[in-house]
């Protein structure tokens, strides 16, 4: 299962960051074809390689596997900020979000 989903998720997150597979490979200290080999299903990263990938993408391993979220970094920041609101502010934001989702 992960062997099929991992390359797709990696490519999606990398493309969202706007970086080429080659540049990402070199930025995390690997050979130029490293990320391409993962995205084409020829290889899977080691555990430490996976952590470097997550660090480069500025996401946690949990966020990497949360395929329901196309914007894990932004979602993490939003949740962090929501936690800082008082109850009334939180209720107001919640009401706005619920209305937006209903009208989608």
Protein backbone atom coordinates (compact mmCIF):
# COMPACT_ATOMS: atom_id res chain seq x y z
CA UNK A 1 0.00 0.00 0.00
CA UNK A 2 2.63 2.56 1.06
CA UNK A 3 4.82 1.46 -1.83
CA UNK A 4 2.15 2.80 -4.20
CA UNK A 5 1.02 5.86 -2.22
CA UNK A 6 4.41 7.09 -1.03
CA UNK A 7 5.74 8.13 -4.47
CA UNK A 8 2.50 9.93 -5.35
CA UNK A 9 2.41 11.82 -2.06
CA UNK A 10 6.06 12.78 -2.35
CA UNK A 11 5.61 14.10 -5.89
CA UNK A 12 2.53 16.08 -4.86
CA UNK A 13 4.26 17.72 -1.90
CA UNK A 14 7.43 18.38 -3.86
CA UNK A 15 5.51 19.98 -6.72
CA UNK A 16 3.57 22.13 -4.26
CA UNK A 17 6.90 23.37 -2.95
CA UNK A 18 7.85 24.20 -6.54
CA UNK A 19 11.16 22.37 -6.62
CA UNK A 20 12.50 19.85 -9.09
CA UNK A 21 13.26 16.27 -8.06
CA UNK A 22 16.91 16.86 -8.90
CA UNK A 23 17.18 20.02 -6.78
CA UNK A 24 15.44 18.35 -3.87
CA UNK A 25 17.74 15.33 -4.10
CA UNK A 26 20.84 17.48 -4.03
CA UNK A 27 19.45 19.69 -1.22
CA UNK A 28 19.05 16.69 1.08
CA UNK A 29 22.56 15.45 0.29
CA UNK A 30 21.68 12.66 -2.13
CA UNK A 31 22.60 11.93 -5.74
CA UNK A 32 20.69 13.82 -8.43
CA UNK A 33 18.32 10.91 -9.21
CA UNK A 34 17.39 10.02 -5.63
CA UNK A 35 13.93 11.64 -5.47
CA UNK A 36 13.14 10.63 -9.05
CA UNK A 37 13.88 6.99 -8.17
CA UNK A 38 11.48 7.21 -5.22
CA UNK A 39 8.75 8.95 -7.23
CA UNK A 40 8.95 6.39 -10.03
CA UNK A 41 8.69 3.51 -7.56
CA UNK A 42 12.21 2.21 -8.15
CA UNK A 43 13.22 2.78 -4.53
CA UNK A 44 11.96 3.73 -1.10
CA UNK A 45 13.97 5.94 1.24
CA UNK A 46 15.62 4.67 4.38
CA UNK A 47 14.11 5.85 7.64
CA UNK A 48 16.71 8.58 7.96
CA UNK A 49 16.15 9.50 4.30
CA UNK A 50 12.44 9.83 4.99
CA UNK A 51 13.13 12.16 7.92
CA UNK A 52 15.37 14.31 5.70
CA UNK A 53 12.57 14.45 3.11
CA UNK A 54 10.07 15.56 5.76
CA UNK A 55 12.50 18.15 7.11
CA UNK A 56 13.07 19.50 3.62
CA UNK A 57 9.31 19.74 3.02
CA UNK A 58 8.90 21.35 6.46
CA UNK A 59 6.33 18.77 7.57
CA UNK A 60 6.20 16.00 10.16
CA UNK A 61 6.14 12.32 9.20
CA UNK A 62 2.51 12.23 10.36
CA UNK A 63 1.68 15.13 8.03
CA UNK A 64 3.39 13.34 5.17
CA UNK A 65 1.00 10.40 5.49
CA UNK A 66 -2.09 12.59 5.98
CA UNK A 67 -3.15 12.33 2.35
CA UNK A 68 -6.42 14.16 3.09
CA UNK A 69 -4.42 17.36 3.39
CA UNK A 70 -2.86 18.97 0.34
CA UNK A 71 -1.44 21.74 2.52
CA UNK A 72 -0.03 20.13 5.69
CA UNK A 73 2.30 22.96 6.62
CA UNK A 74 -0.43 25.60 6.32
CA UNK A 75 -2.88 23.39 8.23
CA UNK A 76 -0.40 22.96 11.09
CA UNK A 77 0.05 26.74 11.34
CA UNK A 78 -3.71 27.30 11.24
CA UNK A 79 -4.35 24.80 14.04
CA UNK A 80 -1.57 26.36 16.10
CA UNK A 81 -3.20 29.78 15.70
CA UNK A 82 -6.69 28.44 16.42
CA UNK A 83 -5.44 27.12 19.75
CA UNK A 84 -4.52 30.69 20.73
CA UNK A 85 -8.07 32.04 20.32
CA UNK A 86 -10.46 32.59 23.18
CA UNK A 87 -13.77 30.70 23.16
CA UNK A 88 -15.79 33.46 21.45
CA UNK A 89 -13.20 33.93 18.71
CA UNK A 90 -13.02 30.18 18.18
CA UNK A 91 -16.80 29.92 17.91
CA UNK A 92 -16.87 32.75 15.36
CA UNK A 93 -14.17 31.15 13.21
CA UNK A 94 -15.86 27.77 13.50
CA UNK A 95 -19.15 29.28 12.33
CA UNK A 96 -17.46 30.90 9.31
CA UNK A 97 -15.70 27.65 8.34
CA UNK A 98 -18.90 25.64 8.70
CA UNK A 99 -20.73 28.10 6.47
CA UNK A 100 -17.98 28.01 3.85
CA UNK A 101 -18.02 24.21 3.78
CA UNK A 102 -21.83 24.10 3.50
CA UNK A 103 -21.78 26.46 0.53
CA UNK A 104 -19.05 24.56 -1.30
